[in-house]
Amino acid sequence: MTHEPVPTTHPANLLGIDYLQAAATFGPPPVPIIDVHTHINGATASGLYKKAAEAWGIQSCCSMTQLEQVETVADVLGDMVRFIAIPSFANPDRRTAHGSDFLDRIRSFHALGSRIVKFWAAPRGVDYGDEIGDPDLLRLDSPLRRDAMDLAASLDMMFMVHVADPDTWFATKYHDAQRYGTKAWQYESLERLLDLYPVPWIAAHFGGWPEDLEVLDGLLSRHANLHLDTSATKWMVRELSRHDSETFQAFLQKWAGRILFGSDIVTSDDHLKADPEGTEMTAKAASLDEAFDLYASRYWALRHLLESNYDGPSPIADPDLAMVDPDQHGPLDSPRLHGHSLPRELLEMIYSEAATQLGLIEPRQASSAS
């Protein structure tokens, strides 16, 4: 006997979906998927992630794992995972964390086989740096960042970058353009650096501007070393669903080979238990089942967005709706998810071939499952 889903108030499963059963019903992807953008930490959480990932057809992932947890995560995921070099945001000495310590960590990650370095340059980095009296600390072209880029380029490593943020944030959190800059301004330093460092770059979160395909078309036209990923699932669902399928498919087809699949799934053992203190991590999940739904929901949403003709509510709450229009939306409202039913050959490129062509995963690992 089958049971109808029962709606819930868990922000990762508003529709009451059995994500494991849904994966079996939806079926495998046209090729095993390479997720180029994850943040996998925690021994138990890594195991839950692996269960969700394998159910939804993910064969390999690239992860921004804390250096101190690389061995733990590798023990669970094995050959499934490749690591992206990141600084320690937990280090209270922020100047050292993004200076000499980051250089040491890049070398350590490289020795472990990492071939990508992540540069996080969201506008709110101004607030992070301001706390030590240096609001420019995390600017993409700051001296510390240039030192890290010089080292990474010398090691023949690619760059991954988070630039800008959703339009919804520029309308609210970043309304002070004198402090944070306009959205367009965020890209001025990126374009200079793309020319200065001719290594491959992956601009996370659909280049930070999924709202405007014309802007992205211009960036990709001007910089042959630029690639985009589809990470930040809530953001992608909200904004990529708004494009009509013909326009969206034409954009993906034009830039086939330079658009990669990514989810931005963040795992942590803090997700696995209730916490009366209500930390940011435990607010996302408070049990094994909720953590599994948190991870699996991202793959449900992205695969439905790209592969299906689903047209209905996303199962994932999107607080940006209430942030922009609190009179019309609450924190558990979700946007429309409009599936684009992309053709198989385009899905194969996004899911696997673009990443193997870039050298993120060896072709033998990305071969089709028998």
Protein backbone atom coordinates (compact mmCIF):
# COMPACT_ATOMS: atom_id res chain seq x y z
CA MET A 1 0.00 0.00 0.00
CA THR A 2 1.31 3.44 -0.86
CA HIS A 3 0.68 6.49 1.26
CA GLU A 4 0.19 10.07 0.16
CA PRO A 5 2.90 12.43 1.40
CA VAL A 6 1.96 14.35 4.52
CA PRO A 7 3.06 18.00 4.50
CA THR A 8 5.43 18.94 7.30
CA THR A 9 7.00 22.04 8.79
CA HIS A 10 10.55 20.84 8.31
CA PRO A 11 12.15 23.39 5.97
CA ALA A 12 13.87 20.68 3.91
CA ASN A 13 10.71 18.65 3.37
CA LEU A 14 7.59 20.80 3.32
CA LEU A 15 5.82 18.33 1.04
CA GLY A 16 6.39 15.25 3.21
CA ILE A 17 8.36 13.40 0.53
CA ASP A 18 10.05 10.06 1.19
CA TYR A 19 13.25 11.11 -0.56
CA LEU A 20 14.63 7.57 -0.71
CA GLN A 21 11.50 6.20 -2.35
CA ALA A 22 11.29 9.27 -4.58
CA ALA A 23 14.80 8.58 -5.87
CA ALA A 24 13.87 5.03 -6.80
CA THR A 25 10.71 6.24 -8.55
CA PHE A 26 12.47 9.08 -10.37
CA GLY A 27 15.14 6.70 -11.63
CA PRO A 28 18.85 7.15 -12.32
CA PRO A 29 20.27 10.17 -14.14
CA PRO A 30 21.40 9.73 -17.75
CA VAL A 31 25.00 9.50 -16.46
CA PRO A 32 26.40 9.30 -12.93
CA ILE A 33 26.57 12.84 -11.57
CA ILE A 34 29.66 14.75 -10.45
CA ASP A 35 28.74 17.32 -7.80
CA VAL A 36 31.53 19.91 -7.96
CA HIS A 37 30.35 22.00 -5.00
CA THR A 38 29.75 20.49 -1.54
CA HIS A 39 30.85 21.08 2.06
CA ILE A 40 31.12 17.63 3.63
CA ASN A 41 32.13 17.37 7.30
CA GLY A 42 31.36 15.01 10.17
CA ALA A 43 31.82 11.24 10.25
CA THR A 44 28.17 10.29 10.73
CA ALA A 45 26.87 13.13 8.55
CA SER A 46 29.22 12.01 5.77
CA GLY A 47 27.62 8.58 5.87
CA LEU A 48 24.15 10.09 5.61
CA TYR A 49 25.31 12.27 2.73
CA LYS A 50 26.69 9.21 0.94
CA LYS A 51 23.34 7.43 1.30
CA ALA A 52 21.45 10.42 -0.11
CA ALA A 53 23.97 11.04 -2.88
CA GLU A 54 24.09 7.46 -4.10
CA ALA A 55 20.29 7.22 -4.06
CA TRP A 56 20.06 10.23 -6.37
CA GLY A 57 22.80 9.11 -8.76
CA ILE A 58 25.78 11.13 -7.53
CA GLN A 59 28.98 9.20 -8.11
CA SER A 60 31.63 11.80 -7.20
CA CYS A 61 31.84 15.10 -5.37
CA CYS A 62 34.28 17.92 -4.74
CA SER A 63 34.12 19.12 -1.14
CA MET A 64 35.19 22.15 0.85
CA THR A 65 36.00 20.02 3.88
CA GLN A 66 37.89 21.46 6.82
CA LEU A 67 41.50 20.32 6.58
CA GLU A 68 41.23 18.78 10.04
CA GLN A 69 38.33 16.58 8.84
CA VAL A 70 39.73 15.48 5.49
CA GLU A 71 40.90 12.11 6.81
CA THR A 72 37.56 11.47 8.53
CA VAL A 73 35.54 12.30 5.43
CA ALA A 74 37.88 10.35 3.14
CA ASP A 75 37.48 7.27 5.37
CA VAL A 76 33.71 7.41 4.76
CA LEU A 77 33.51 8.52 1.13
CA GLY A 78 36.71 6.99 -0.24
CA ASP A 79 37.27 7.61 -3.95
CA MET A 80 33.92 9.38 -4.17
CA VAL A 81 35.39 12.64 -2.85
CA ARG A 82 37.95 15.18 -4.04
CA PHE A 83 38.85 18.13 -1.83
CA ILE A 84 38.84 21.87 -2.44
CA ALA A 85 41.37 23.97 -0.53
CA ILE A 86 39.79 26.42 1.91
CA PRO A 87 41.00 28.63 4.76
CA SER A 88 39.98 28.15 8.38
CA PHE A 89 37.09 30.45 9.18
CA ALA A 90 37.20 29.12 12.77
CA ASN A 91 40.65 30.61 13.42
CA PRO A 92 40.12 33.68 15.65
CA ASP A 93 43.22 35.31 14.14
CA ARG A 94 41.52 36.26 10.90
CA ARG A 95 44.48 37.96 9.30
CA THR A 96 46.64 34.88 9.80
CA ALA A 97 43.79 32.56 8.82
CA HIS A 98 43.52 34.19 5.40
CA GLY A 99 47.23 34.96 5.13
CA SER A 100 50.10 32.65 6.03
CA ASP A 101 47.88 29.88 7.43
CA PHE A 102 45.85 29.76 4.23
CA LEU A 103 49.04 29.46 2.20
CA ASP A 104 50.09 26.53 4.40
CA ARG A 105 46.69 24.94 3.97
CA ILE A 106 46.80 25.32 0.19
CA ARG A 107 50.10 23.43 0.20
CA SER A 108 48.65 20.75 2.48
CA PHE A 109 45.51 20.32 0.38
CA HIS A 110 47.64 20.16 -2.76
CA ALA A 111 49.75 17.41 -1.20
CA LEU A 112 46.51 15.52 -0.55
CA GLY A 113 45.60 15.72 -4.23
CA SER A 114 43.46 18.86 -4.26
CA ARG A 115 43.54 20.82 -7.50
CA ILE A 116 41.05 23.60 -6.64
CA VAL A 117 41.27 26.57 -4.27
CA LYS A 118 38.11 28.37 -3.11
CA PHE A 119 37.98 32.15 -2.77
CA TRP A 120 34.88 33.34 -0.90
CA ALA A 121 34.18 36.98 -1.73
CA ALA A 122 30.55 37.56 -0.78
CA PRO A 123 29.71 41.20 -0.02
CA ARG A 124 29.11 40.32 3.66
CA GLY A 125 32.82 39.61 3.89
CA VAL A 126 33.04 43.35 4.60
CA ASP A 127 31.40 42.68 7.98
CA TYR A 128 33.77 39.79 8.69
CA GLY A 129 36.84 41.92 7.99
CA ASP A 130 35.44 44.99 9.71
CA GLU A 131 35.50 43.13 13.02
CA ILE A 132 39.30 43.31 12.93
CA GLY A 133 39.40 46.78 11.43
CA ASP A 134 40.03 45.67 7.85
CA PRO A 135 36.82 45.68 5.78
CA ASP A 136 38.82 44.86 2.65
CA LEU A 137 40.30 41.66 4.13
CA LEU A 138 38.22 39.31 1.97
CA ARG A 139 37.89 41.47 -1.13
CA LEU A 140 38.66 39.25 -4.09
CA ASP A 141 41.64 41.41 -5.10
CA SER A 142 43.01 42.12 -1.61
CA PRO A 143 46.77 41.59 -1.07
CA LEU A 144 46.21 38.43 0.98
CA ARG A 145 43.98 37.00 -1.73
CA ARG A 146 46.52 37.81 -4.43
CA ASP A 147 49.22 36.00 -2.44
CA ALA A 148 47.00 32.92 -2.25
CA MET A 149 46.19 33.15 -5.96
CA ASP A 150 49.86 33.44 -6.84
CA LEU A 151 50.63 30.29 -4.85
CA ALA A 152 47.67 28.35 -6.22
CA ALA A 153 48.51 29.30 -9.81
CA SER A 154 52.14 28.24 -9.26
CA LEU A 155 50.80 24.83 -8.16
CA ASP A 156 48.65 24.60 -11.30
CA MET A 157 45.43 24.71 -9.28
CA MET A 158 42.05 25.96 -10.48
CA PHE A 159 40.11 28.70 -8.71
CA MET A 160 36.57 28.50 -7.42
CA VAL A 161 34.98 31.82 -6.48
CA HIS A 162 31.86 33.02 -4.70
CA VAL A 163 31.16 36.50 -5.98
CA ALA A 164 28.07 38.63 -5.32
CA ASP A 165 24.89 37.16 -3.78
CA PRO A 166 21.19 36.93 -4.69
CA ASP A 167 19.32 39.97 -5.99
CA THR A 168 17.05 39.50 -2.97
CA TRP A 169 20.00 40.24 -0.68
CA PHE A 170 21.00 43.38 -2.57
CA ALA A 171 17.41 44.58 -2.13
CA THR A 172 17.59 43.99 1.64
CA LYS A 173 20.79 43.03 3.46
CA TYR A 174 23.02 45.00 1.08
CA HIS A 175 20.81 48.02 0.52
CA ASP A 176 23.73 50.21 1.71
CA ALA A 177 25.64 50.33 -1.59
CA GLN A 178 28.22 52.68 -0.07
CA ARG A 179 29.26 49.86 2.24
CA TYR A 180 28.72 46.74 0.14
CA GLY A 181 28.86 48.05 -3.41
CA THR A 182 26.30 47.41 -6.12
CA LYS A 183 25.90 43.94 -7.52
CA ALA A 184 27.55 44.93 -10.81
CA TRP A 185 30.52 46.38 -8.92
CA GLN A 186 31.30 42.96 -7.42
CA TYR A 187 32.30 41.73 -10.88
CA GLU A 188 34.85 44.41 -11.70
CA SER A 189 37.63 42.77 -9.70
CA LEU A 190 36.57 39.31 -10.91
CA GLU A 191 36.98 40.32 -14.54
CA ARG A 192 40.43 41.82 -13.89
CA LEU A 193 41.56 38.67 -12.10
CA LEU A 194 40.19 36.36 -14.76
CA ASP A 195 42.62 38.02 -17.16
CA LEU A 196 45.53 38.11 -14.70
CA TYR A 197 45.21 34.42 -13.79
CA PRO A 198 44.46 32.41 -16.93
CA VAL A 199 43.77 29.22 -14.97
CA PRO A 200 40.27 27.69 -15.06
CA TRP A 201 37.83 29.50 -12.76
CA ILE A 202 34.51 28.11 -11.52
CA ALA A 203 32.12 30.88 -10.48
CA ALA A 204 29.86 29.24 -7.92
CA HIS A 205 26.09 29.68 -7.74
CA PHE A 206 25.63 30.17 -11.48
CA GLY A 207 28.21 32.91 -11.41
CA GLY A 208 26.35 34.69 -8.62
CA TRP A 209 23.78 36.03 -11.10
CA PRO A 210 21.26 33.33 -12.12
CA GLU A 211 18.70 36.12 -12.27
CA ASP A 212 20.28 37.59 -15.44
CA LEU A 213 21.41 35.25 -18.19
CA GLU A 214 22.48 38.19 -20.38
CA VAL A 215 25.03 39.31 -17.78
CA LEU A 216 26.38 35.76 -17.54
CA ASP A 217 26.51 35.47 -21.33
CA GLY A 218 28.70 38.56 -21.41
CA LEU A 219 31.04 37.22 -18.73
CA LEU A 220 31.42 33.88 -20.46
CA SER A 221 31.97 35.58 -23.82
CA ARG A 222 34.74 37.78 -22.48
CA HIS A 223 36.56 35.12 -20.44
CA ALA A 224 37.24 31.73 -21.97
CA ASN A 225 38.62 30.42 -18.65
CA LEU A 226 35.35 31.03 -16.76
CA HIS A 227 32.93 28.23 -15.83
CA LEU A 228 29.75 28.25 -13.74
CA ASP A 229 28.21 25.74 -11.36
CA THR A 230 24.59 25.22 -10.34
CA SER A 231 25.19 25.27 -6.57
CA ALA A 232 23.05 26.99 -3.91
CA THR A 233 19.93 24.94 -4.49
CA LYS A 234 17.32 27.27 -2.95
CA TRP A 235 18.67 30.18 -4.98
CA MET A 236 18.82 28.14 -8.19
CA VAL A 237 15.29 26.79 -7.77
CA ARG A 238 13.86 30.25 -7.18
CA GLU A 239 15.64 32.05 -10.01
CA LEU A 240 16.25 29.43 -12.71
CA SER A 241 12.59 28.41 -12.50
CA ARG A 242 11.66 31.94 -13.59
CA HIS A 243 13.37 31.61 -16.98
CA ASP A 244 11.30 30.15 -19.76
CA SER A 245 12.62 26.75 -20.79
CA GLU A 246 13.48 27.73 -24.37
CA THR A 247 15.67 30.65 -23.25
CA PHE A 248 17.30 28.67 -20.46
CA GLN A 249 18.06 25.70 -22.68
CA ALA A 250 19.52 27.94 -25.36
CA PHE A 251 21.86 29.51 -22.80
CA LEU A 252 23.00 26.10 -21.53
CA GLN A 253 23.46 24.83 -25.07
CA LYS A 254 25.54 27.84 -26.08
CA TRP A 255 27.83 27.34 -23.09
CA ALA A 256 27.82 23.55 -23.00
CA GLY A 257 31.01 22.33 -21.38
CA ARG A 258 31.25 25.41 -19.15
CA ILE A 259 28.25 24.78 -16.90
CA LEU A 260 28.84 22.19 -14.17
CA PHE A 261 26.52 20.55 -11.67
CA GLY A 262 26.86 21.60 -8.03
CA SER A 263 24.55 21.49 -5.02
CA ASP A 264 26.23 23.41 -2.16
CA ILE A 265 25.14 20.71 0.31
CA VAL A 266 26.62 21.36 3.75
CA THR A 267 26.89 18.41 6.15
CA SER A 268 27.76 18.47 9.82
CA ASP A 269 27.39 16.14 12.77
CA ASP A 270 25.70 19.10 14.47
CA HIS A 271 22.70 18.31 12.25
CA LEU A 272 22.13 14.99 13.97
CA LYS A 273 20.71 15.95 17.33
CA ALA A 274 18.35 18.46 18.85
CA ASP A 275 20.06 21.47 20.41
CA PRO A 276 18.14 23.62 22.87
CA GLU A 277 20.62 26.43 22.22
CA GLY A 278 19.43 26.58 18.63
CA THR A 279 22.75 27.00 16.75
CA GLU A 280 22.79 27.81 13.06
CA MET A 281 23.72 24.22 12.21
CA THR A 282 21.09 22.51 14.34
CA ALA A 283 18.46 24.92 13.07
CA LYS A 284 18.82 23.15 9.72
CA ALA A 285 18.18 19.66 11.15
CA ALA A 286 17.88 18.05 14.57
CA SER A 287 17.88 14.31 13.91
CA LEU A 288 19.25 11.65 11.58
CA ASP A 289 16.04 11.66 9.53
CA GLU A 290 15.96 15.45 9.23
CA ALA A 291 19.63 15.55 8.25
CA PHE A 292 19.04 12.93 5.54
CA ASP A 293 16.11 14.98 4.21
CA LEU A 294 18.24 18.13 4.30
CA TYR A 295 20.86 16.53 2.05
CA ALA A 296 18.54 14.53 -0.22
CA SER A 297 16.16 17.46 -0.79
CA ARG A 298 18.84 19.34 -2.68
CA TYR A 299 19.29 16.53 -5.17
CA TRP A 300 15.51 16.05 -5.49
CA ALA A 301 15.11 19.73 -6.31
CA LEU A 302 18.03 20.08 -8.74
CA ARG A 303 17.23 16.94 -10.69
CA HIS A 304 13.55 17.90 -10.94
CA LEU A 305 14.59 21.40 -12.06
CA LEU A 306 16.85 20.11 -14.81
CA GLU A 307 15.29 16.80 -15.88
CA SER A 308 11.54 16.92 -15.30
CA ASN A 309 8.43 18.83 -16.31
CA TYR A 310 7.41 19.24 -12.66
CA ASP A 311 5.66 22.55 -12.07
CA GLY A 312 4.70 23.13 -8.46
CA PRO A 313 5.98 24.17 -5.05
CA SER A 314 9.55 23.42 -4.07
CA PRO A 315 9.76 21.13 -1.02
CA ILE A 316 12.45 23.44 0.42
CA ALA A 317 11.52 26.57 2.37
CA ASP A 318 13.09 29.74 1.02
CA PRO A 319 13.36 32.54 3.63
CA ASP A 320 14.36 35.02 0.92
CA LEU A 321 10.69 35.27 -0.05
CA ALA A 322 9.76 36.61 3.37
CA MET A 323 12.86 38.77 3.52
CA VAL A 324 11.79 40.64 0.39
CA ASP A 325 8.05 40.61 0.97
CA PRO A 326 7.20 39.88 4.63
CA ASP A 327 3.57 40.89 4.14
CA GLN A 328 3.00 38.14 1.58
CA HIS A 329 5.35 35.37 2.74
CA GLY A 330 6.39 33.56 5.89
CA PRO A 331 9.69 31.78 6.68
CA LEU A 332 8.32 28.39 5.59
CA ASP A 333 7.04 29.49 2.20
CA SER A 334 8.69 28.03 -0.86
CA PRO A 335 8.89 29.21 -4.46
CA ARG A 336 7.57 27.58 -7.59
CA LEU A 337 9.85 24.93 -9.07
CA HIS A 338 9.52 24.83 -12.84
CA GLY A 339 11.25 21.84 -14.41
CA HIS A 340 12.99 22.48 -17.72
CA SER A 341 13.13 18.89 -19.11
CA LEU A 342 16.57 19.35 -20.65
CA PRO A 343 17.58 16.95 -23.43
CA ARG A 344 19.73 13.97 -22.51
CA GLU A 345 22.90 15.15 -24.27
CA LEU A 346 22.81 18.46 -22.41
CA LEU A 347 22.22 16.72 -19.08
CA GLU A 348 25.18 14.43 -19.74
CA MET A 349 27.40 17.45 -20.31
CA ILE A 350 26.24 19.30 -17.17
CA TYR A 351 26.21 16.23 -14.94
CA SER A 352 29.52 14.71 -15.93
CA GLU A 353 31.35 15.60 -19.13
CA ALA A 354 32.06 19.25 -18.28
CA ALA A 355 33.73 18.22 -15.02
CA THR A 356 35.81 15.47 -16.60
CA GLN A 357 36.88 17.79 -19.43
CA LEU A 358 38.04 20.26 -16.79
CA GLY A 359 40.02 17.51 -15.05
CA LEU A 360 38.06 17.59 -11.78
CA ILE A 361 37.44 13.84 -11.85
CA GLU A 362 39.26 11.21 -13.87
CA PRO A 363 37.18 9.99 -16.82
CA ARG A 364 37.33 6.40 -15.58
CA GLN A 365 35.52 7.48 -12.39
CA ALA A 366 32.82 9.24 -14.31
CA SER A 367 32.06 6.40 -16.69
CA SER A 368 28.45 5.32 -16.96
CA ALA A 369 27.26 2.75 -14.46
CA SER A 370 26.53 -0.65 -15.93
